[in-house]
Structure formats: structure tokens, C-alpha cells
Amino acid sequence: MIRTQIQLTDDLAEQIRDTAAREHVSMAELIRRAVSRFLQIESKAGSEDRYARALSAAGKLQCDRRELSDRHDDEFAKASSR
């Protein structure tokens, strides 16, 4: 395990301390759990967000590239991987 230092506001430290006491875990364990949960949610949200943004843009743009409609799946795959 790697040791690191963080700075917390007084209010946040108090909330963490109180929650850790209620859960019968250390503040460090509570923070590890919170960071882990945050990263899981962000990872999932990132891919869902990219898909939602791409889907919402479908059909809203015009392009002079007439051949695009023939290769739109390939173009979409390229754009989605960015």
C-alpha cells in the first residue's frame, strides 16, 4: 500500500470522522472506499456519456462529403474512439 497525504476542510474531515466511526472503520479505509467507488462510477459514466453525446449528435449535422453515408459506421467508430 502507498501512503499519501491529503488536505481536508475542517467540515469534510469531521464528516469523514463521524461516518468512519458509525461504520466502525478507519478514516483511511472510508476514504479508500469512497475513491474506489468514485473511480468505478466515473469509468462507467465516461463510456455512457460518450455514447449519449454521439447519439444526440446523430442527424444534426450536414456534410458536403456525399460518400459519408456509405461509410458512416466506420466514421462513427473513429470519432467514438477519441
N, C-alpha and C. Protein backbone atom coordinates (compact mmCIF):
# COMPACT_ATOMS: atom_id res chain seq x y z
N MET A 1 0.84 -1.17 0.00
CA MET A 1 0.00 0.00 0.00
C MET A 1 0.89 1.24 0.00
N ILE A 2 0.43 2.27 -0.65
CA ILE A 2 1.17 3.52 -0.72
C ILE A 2 0.56 4.52 0.25
N ARG A 3 1.41 5.18 0.99
CA ARG A 3 0.94 6.20 1.94
C ARG A 3 0.96 7.54 1.21
N THR A 4 -0.10 8.31 1.40
CA THR A 4 -0.18 9.64 0.79
C THR A 4 -0.84 10.59 1.78
N GLN A 5 -0.64 11.86 1.55
CA GLN A 5 -1.25 12.87 2.41
C GLN A 5 -2.22 13.68 1.59
N ILE A 6 -3.34 14.04 2.21
CA ILE A 6 -4.31 14.92 1.58
C ILE A 6 -4.71 15.98 2.59
N GLN A 7 -5.19 17.08 2.09
CA GLN A 7 -5.68 18.14 2.98
C GLN A 7 -7.19 18.20 2.84
N LEU A 8 -7.88 18.22 3.97
CA LEU A 8 -9.33 18.27 4.01
C LEU A 8 -9.78 19.52 4.73
N THR A 9 -10.93 20.02 4.34
CA THR A 9 -11.51 21.12 5.11
C THR A 9 -11.92 20.56 6.47
N ASP A 10 -12.06 21.45 7.43
CA ASP A 10 -12.47 21.01 8.78
C ASP A 10 -13.81 20.28 8.72
N ASP A 11 -14.74 20.81 7.95
CA ASP A 11 -16.07 20.22 7.86
C ASP A 11 -16.02 18.83 7.22
N LEU A 12 -15.26 18.70 6.14
CA LEU A 12 -15.15 17.40 5.47
C LEU A 12 -14.47 16.38 6.37
N ALA A 13 -13.43 16.78 7.07
CA ALA A 13 -12.73 15.87 7.98
C ALA A 13 -13.67 15.40 9.09
N GLU A 14 -14.49 16.30 9.58
CA GLU A 14 -15.45 15.94 10.64
C GLU A 14 -16.49 14.95 10.12
N GLN A 15 -16.98 15.19 8.91
CA GLN A 15 -17.96 14.28 8.32
C GLN A 15 -17.36 12.89 8.10
N ILE A 16 -16.12 12.85 7.62
CA ILE A 16 -15.45 11.57 7.40
C ILE A 16 -15.23 10.86 8.73
N ARG A 17 -14.77 11.60 9.71
CA ARG A 17 -14.51 11.02 11.04
C ARG A 17 -15.80 10.43 11.62
N ASP A 18 -16.91 11.17 11.53
CA ASP A 18 -18.19 10.71 12.06
C ASP A 18 -18.69 9.47 11.32
N THR A 19 -18.59 9.49 10.00
CA THR A 19 -19.04 8.36 9.20
C THR A 19 -18.18 7.13 9.46
N ALA A 20 -16.88 7.33 9.54
CA ALA A 20 -15.98 6.21 9.83
C ALA A 20 -16.31 5.58 11.19
N ALA A 21 -16.61 6.41 12.17
CA ALA A 21 -16.96 5.90 13.49
C ALA A 21 -18.25 5.09 13.43
N ARG A 22 -19.24 5.59 12.70
CA ARG A 22 -20.51 4.86 12.56
C ARG A 22 -20.31 3.52 11.86
N GLU A 23 -19.42 3.50 10.87
CA GLU A 23 -19.17 2.28 10.08
C GLU A 23 -18.15 1.36 10.75
N HIS A 24 -17.54 1.83 11.84
CA HIS A 24 -16.52 1.07 12.56
C HIS A 24 -15.32 0.75 11.66
N VAL A 25 -14.88 1.76 10.89
CA VAL A 25 -13.68 1.63 10.05
C VAL A 25 -12.83 2.88 10.27
N SER A 26 -11.60 2.80 9.82
CA SER A 26 -10.72 3.97 9.94
C SER A 26 -11.10 5.01 8.88
N MET A 27 -10.66 6.23 9.12
CA MET A 27 -10.87 7.28 8.12
C MET A 27 -10.21 6.88 6.81
N ALA A 28 -9.01 6.30 6.89
CA ALA A 28 -8.28 5.89 5.68
C ALA A 28 -9.09 4.87 4.89
N GLU A 29 -9.68 3.91 5.58
CA GLU A 29 -10.48 2.89 4.89
C GLU A 29 -11.70 3.51 4.23
N LEU A 30 -12.34 4.42 4.93
CA LEU A 30 -13.52 5.08 4.36
C LEU A 30 -13.13 5.88 3.11
N ILE A 31 -12.01 6.57 3.16
CA ILE A 31 -11.55 7.34 2.01
C ILE A 31 -11.19 6.41 0.86
N ARG A 32 -10.52 5.28 1.14
CA ARG A 32 -10.20 4.31 0.09
C ARG A 32 -11.47 3.82 -0.59
N ARG A 33 -12.49 3.49 0.20
CA ARG A 33 -13.77 3.02 -0.35
C ARG A 33 -14.42 4.09 -1.22
N ALA A 34 -14.39 5.31 -0.73
CA ALA A 34 -15.01 6.41 -1.47
C ALA A 34 -14.30 6.66 -2.80
N VAL A 35 -12.99 6.65 -2.79
CA VAL A 35 -12.22 6.86 -4.02
C VAL A 35 -12.47 5.72 -4.99
N SER A 36 -12.48 4.50 -4.49
CA SER A 36 -12.72 3.33 -5.35
C SER A 36 -14.10 3.42 -6.00
N ARG A 37 -15.11 3.75 -5.21
CA ARG A 37 -16.47 3.88 -5.74
C ARG A 37 -16.54 4.99 -6.78
N PHE A 38 -15.90 6.12 -6.48
CA PHE A 38 -15.89 7.24 -7.42
C PHE A 38 -15.27 6.84 -8.75
N LEU A 39 -14.15 6.14 -8.71
CA LEU A 39 -13.47 5.72 -9.94
C LEU A 39 -14.30 4.73 -10.74
N GLN A 40 -15.00 3.83 -10.07
CA GLN A 40 -15.88 2.89 -10.78
C GLN A 40 -17.01 3.63 -11.47
N ILE A 41 -17.61 4.57 -10.78
CA ILE A 41 -18.72 5.34 -11.36
C ILE A 41 -18.23 6.19 -12.53
N GLU A 42 -17.09 6.84 -12.36
CA GLU A 42 -16.55 7.69 -13.42
C GLU A 42 -16.20 6.87 -14.66
N SER A 43 -15.64 5.70 -14.47
CA SER A 43 -15.28 4.84 -15.59
C SER A 43 -16.52 4.46 -16.39
N LYS A 44 -17.56 4.06 -15.70
CA LYS A 44 -18.80 3.68 -16.36
C LYS A 44 -19.46 4.89 -17.00
N ALA A 45 -19.51 5.99 -16.28
CA ALA A 45 -20.15 7.20 -16.79
C ALA A 45 -19.43 7.73 -18.02
N GLY A 46 -18.11 7.57 -18.06
CA GLY A 46 -17.35 8.07 -19.20
C GLY A 46 -17.78 7.42 -20.50
N SER A 47 -17.92 6.11 -20.52
CA SER A 47 -18.30 5.42 -21.75
C SER A 47 -19.76 5.69 -22.08
N GLU A 48 -20.62 5.73 -21.07
CA GLU A 48 -22.03 6.03 -21.32
C GLU A 48 -22.20 7.45 -21.82
N ASP A 49 -21.42 8.37 -21.27
CA ASP A 49 -21.50 9.76 -21.69
C ASP A 49 -21.06 9.93 -23.14
N ARG A 50 -19.98 9.26 -23.52
CA ARG A 50 -19.53 9.35 -24.92
C ARG A 50 -20.60 8.83 -25.86
N TYR A 51 -21.21 7.71 -25.52
CA TYR A 51 -22.26 7.14 -26.36
C TYR A 51 -23.46 8.09 -26.45
N ALA A 52 -23.87 8.64 -25.31
CA ALA A 52 -25.03 9.54 -25.29
C ALA A 52 -24.76 10.79 -26.12
N ARG A 53 -23.55 11.34 -26.01
CA ARG A 53 -23.22 12.53 -26.80
C ARG A 53 -23.22 12.22 -28.29
N ALA A 54 -22.67 11.07 -28.66
CA ALA A 54 -22.65 10.69 -30.07
C ALA A 54 -24.06 10.47 -30.59
N LEU A 55 -24.88 9.80 -29.80
CA LEU A 55 -26.25 9.53 -30.21
C LEU A 55 -27.05 10.81 -30.36
N SER A 56 -26.84 11.76 -29.46
CA SER A 56 -27.59 13.01 -29.53
C SER A 56 -27.17 13.85 -30.75
N ALA A 57 -25.97 13.65 -31.24
CA ALA A 57 -25.49 14.42 -32.39
C ALA A 57 -25.94 13.81 -33.73
N ALA A 58 -26.37 12.57 -33.69
CA ALA A 58 -26.74 11.88 -34.94
C ALA A 58 -27.86 12.64 -35.65
N GLY A 59 -27.62 12.90 -36.94
CA GLY A 59 -28.62 13.54 -37.77
C GLY A 59 -28.70 15.05 -37.63
N LYS A 60 -27.90 15.65 -36.78
CA LYS A 60 -27.99 17.10 -36.56
C LYS A 60 -27.01 17.90 -37.41
N LEU A 61 -26.11 17.25 -38.07
CA LEU A 61 -25.09 17.95 -38.84
C LEU A 61 -25.24 17.66 -40.32
N GLN A 62 -24.82 18.60 -41.12
CA GLN A 62 -24.79 18.40 -42.55
C GLN A 62 -23.35 18.38 -43.00
N CYS A 63 -23.08 17.62 -44.05
CA CYS A 63 -21.71 17.48 -44.53
C CYS A 63 -21.72 17.45 -46.06
N ASP A 64 -20.70 18.04 -46.63
CA ASP A 64 -20.58 18.03 -48.09
C ASP A 64 -20.00 16.73 -48.61
N ARG A 65 -19.57 15.86 -47.70
CA ARG A 65 -18.98 14.58 -48.12
C ARG A 65 -20.10 13.59 -48.42
N ARG A 66 -20.47 13.48 -49.67
CA ARG A 66 -21.58 12.61 -50.08
C ARG A 66 -21.31 11.14 -49.78
N GLU A 67 -20.04 10.73 -49.80
CA GLU A 67 -19.70 9.33 -49.56
C GLU A 67 -19.79 8.96 -48.09
N LEU A 68 -19.98 9.94 -47.23
CA LEU A 68 -20.02 9.68 -45.80
C LEU A 68 -21.16 8.74 -45.43
N SER A 69 -22.29 8.86 -46.07
CA SER A 69 -23.41 7.99 -45.73
C SER A 69 -23.10 6.52 -46.03
N ASP A 70 -22.23 6.28 -46.98
CA ASP A 70 -21.84 4.90 -47.31
C ASP A 70 -20.89 4.32 -46.26
N ARG A 71 -20.14 5.20 -45.58
CA ARG A 71 -19.13 4.73 -44.63
C ARG A 71 -19.38 5.28 -43.23
N HIS A 72 -20.63 5.62 -42.93
CA HIS A 72 -20.88 6.30 -41.65
C HIS A 72 -20.52 5.44 -40.44
N ASP A 73 -20.66 4.11 -40.52
CA ASP A 73 -20.31 3.27 -39.38
C ASP A 73 -18.80 3.36 -39.07
N ASP A 74 -17.99 3.32 -40.12
CA ASP A 74 -16.54 3.44 -39.94
C ASP A 74 -16.17 4.81 -39.38
N GLU A 75 -16.78 5.85 -39.91
CA GLU A 75 -16.50 7.20 -39.44
C GLU A 75 -16.96 7.38 -37.98
N PHE A 76 -18.11 6.82 -37.66
CA PHE A 76 -18.62 6.90 -36.29
C PHE A 76 -17.67 6.18 -35.33
N ALA A 77 -17.20 5.01 -35.72
CA ALA A 77 -16.27 4.24 -34.87
C ALA A 77 -14.99 5.05 -34.63
N LYS A 78 -14.48 5.69 -35.65
CA LYS A 78 -13.28 6.51 -35.49
C LYS A 78 -13.53 7.68 -34.54
N ALA A 79 -14.65 8.35 -34.73
CA ALA A 79 -14.98 9.51 -33.90
C ALA A 79 -15.24 9.09 -32.45
N SER A 80 -15.83 7.95 -32.25
CA SER A 80 -16.16 7.49 -30.89
C SER A 80 -14.94 7.07 -30.11
N SER A 81 -13.88 6.71 -30.78
CA SER A 81 -12.70 6.22 -30.07
C SER A 81 -11.81 7.34 -29.58
N ARG A 82 -12.14 8.57 -29.86
CA ARG A 82 -11.32 9.72 -29.43
C ARG A 82 -11.49 10.00 -27.98
